[in-house]
Amino acid sequence: MAMTRRNCKNDTIILNTIEGLVPQDHEVRKLESCIDWSFIYPLVEHLYSDFGRPSIDPVVLFKMLFINIVFGIGSMRKTCKEIQVNLAYRWFLGISMDEQVPNYWYYVKISDN
């Protein structure tokens, strides 16, 4: 039998959406359908200014913490790294593949305050 070597094709462009790649029965889809995250906005509105740099959506920050706890990842640094490569987590957060994942330093700053 002849040996076959597979050529790595990491530069292939695939036309698909994150929506189409996350299975319908994935845990994050179930969580998203059960929780209305809009309650967070009025709770944190007083903490934000009308001036300065654009902020990260507070729902995204809460959902990142939620991922950390529910999936037992442990550290926020590791959670951020997991979100970078996990399409289901990106779908849950509404972060496209060309967007950066918020840095774990946001959580360090929050805990310091």
Protein backbone atom coordinates (compact mmCIF):
# COMPACT_ATOMS: atom_id res chain seq x y z
CA MET A 1 0.00 0.00 0.00
CA ALA A 2 1.41 3.39 -0.98
CA MET A 3 1.77 6.03 1.69
CA THR A 4 -0.19 9.23 1.16
CA ARG A 5 0.90 12.53 2.63
CA ARG A 6 -1.75 15.11 3.24
CA ASN A 7 -0.84 18.65 2.24
CA CYS A 8 -1.76 21.25 4.84
CA LYS A 9 -4.29 23.72 3.42
CA ASN A 10 -4.57 26.30 6.19
CA ASP A 11 -4.90 29.17 3.73
CA THR A 12 -8.12 27.87 2.16
CA ILE A 13 -11.00 30.33 2.15
CA ILE A 14 -14.27 28.77 3.28
CA LEU A 15 -17.53 30.54 2.63
CA ASN A 16 -19.64 29.72 5.65
CA THR A 17 -21.05 31.47 8.69
CA ILE A 18 -20.50 30.84 12.36
CA GLU A 19 -24.27 30.35 12.54
CA GLY A 20 -23.99 27.42 10.15
CA LEU A 21 -21.02 25.85 11.92
CA VAL A 22 -22.44 25.74 15.47
CA PRO A 23 -24.66 22.66 15.89
CA GLN A 24 -28.31 23.37 16.73
CA ASP A 25 -28.09 21.21 19.87
CA HIS A 26 -24.93 22.85 21.25
CA GLU A 27 -25.06 23.98 24.89
CA VAL A 28 -24.49 27.65 24.04
CA ARG A 29 -27.56 27.68 21.80
CA LYS A 30 -29.63 26.26 24.65
CA LEU A 31 -28.26 28.87 27.05
CA GLU A 32 -28.91 31.70 24.59
CA SER A 33 -32.52 30.60 24.12
CA CYS A 34 -33.14 30.43 27.89
CA ILE A 35 -31.60 33.70 29.07
CA ASP A 36 -32.63 37.24 28.18
CA TRP A 37 -29.38 39.13 28.71
CA SER A 38 -30.93 42.59 28.28
CA PHE A 39 -31.39 42.92 32.05
CA ILE A 40 -27.66 43.69 32.32
CA TYR A 41 -27.78 47.05 30.54
CA PRO A 42 -29.81 48.98 33.15
CA LEU A 43 -27.74 47.43 35.94
CA VAL A 44 -24.44 48.79 34.59
CA GLU A 45 -25.54 51.90 32.72
CA HIS A 46 -24.43 54.24 35.53
CA LEU A 47 -20.89 52.81 35.33
CA TYR A 48 -20.34 54.01 31.75
CA SER A 49 -19.44 57.48 30.50
CA ASP A 50 -20.60 59.28 27.38
CA PHE A 51 -16.97 60.27 26.78
CA GLY A 52 -13.78 58.35 26.06
CA ARG A 53 -13.06 55.29 24.02
CA PRO A 54 -15.84 52.97 22.94
CA SER A 55 -16.50 50.32 25.55
CA ILE A 56 -16.98 46.60 25.24
CA ASP A 57 -20.62 45.56 25.35
CA PRO A 58 -21.30 44.68 29.02
CA VAL A 59 -23.37 41.66 27.94
CA VAL A 60 -20.29 40.28 26.17
CA LEU A 61 -18.25 40.70 29.37
CA PHE A 62 -20.92 38.94 31.44
CA LYS A 63 -21.24 36.15 28.89
CA MET A 64 -17.48 35.62 28.95
CA LEU A 65 -17.64 35.19 32.73
CA PHE A 66 -20.60 32.87 32.23
CA ILE A 67 -18.57 30.72 29.79
CA ASN A 68 -15.74 30.62 32.31
CA ILE A 69 -18.00 29.37 35.10
CA VAL A 70 -20.41 27.08 33.22
CA PHE A 71 -17.72 25.30 31.21
CA GLY A 72 -15.28 25.18 34.15
CA ILE A 73 -12.39 26.78 32.31
CA GLY A 74 -10.80 28.30 35.40
CA SER A 75 -8.88 31.46 34.57
CA MET A 76 -10.08 34.37 32.46
CA ARG A 77 -6.81 34.31 30.55
CA LYS A 78 -7.54 30.72 29.48
CA THR A 79 -11.18 31.61 28.79
CA CYS A 80 -10.11 34.37 26.39
CA LYS A 81 -7.78 31.94 24.61
CA GLU A 82 -10.58 29.36 24.35
CA ILE A 83 -12.95 31.96 22.90
CA GLN A 84 -10.36 32.84 20.25
CA VAL A 85 -10.54 29.34 18.78
CA ASN A 86 -14.01 28.07 19.74
CA LEU A 87 -16.66 28.94 17.16
CA ALA A 88 -19.53 28.09 19.52
CA TYR A 89 -18.24 30.55 22.12
CA ARG A 90 -17.80 33.22 19.45
CA TRP A 91 -21.37 32.60 18.28
CA PHE A 92 -22.65 32.91 21.86
CA LEU A 93 -20.80 36.21 22.30
CA GLY A 94 -21.66 37.58 18.86
CA ILE A 95 -17.97 37.96 18.00
CA SER A 96 -17.14 37.32 14.35
CA MET A 97 -13.93 35.64 13.24
CA ASP A 98 -12.40 38.96 12.17
CA GLU A 99 -13.06 40.61 15.55
CA GLN A 100 -10.68 40.47 18.47
CA VAL A 101 -11.74 38.75 21.66
CA PRO A 102 -11.71 41.13 24.64
CA ASN A 103 -8.49 40.82 26.59
CA TYR A 104 -8.48 39.22 30.03
CA TRP A 105 -7.03 42.48 31.40
CA TYR A 106 -10.55 43.92 31.42
CA TYR A 107 -11.33 41.50 34.22
CA VAL A 108 -8.15 42.40 36.08
CA LYS A 109 -9.14 46.09 35.91
CA ILE A 110 -12.70 45.33 37.02
CA SER A 111 -11.53 43.26 39.99
CA ASP A 112 -9.08 46.00 41.01
CA ASN A 113 -11.89 48.54 41.09
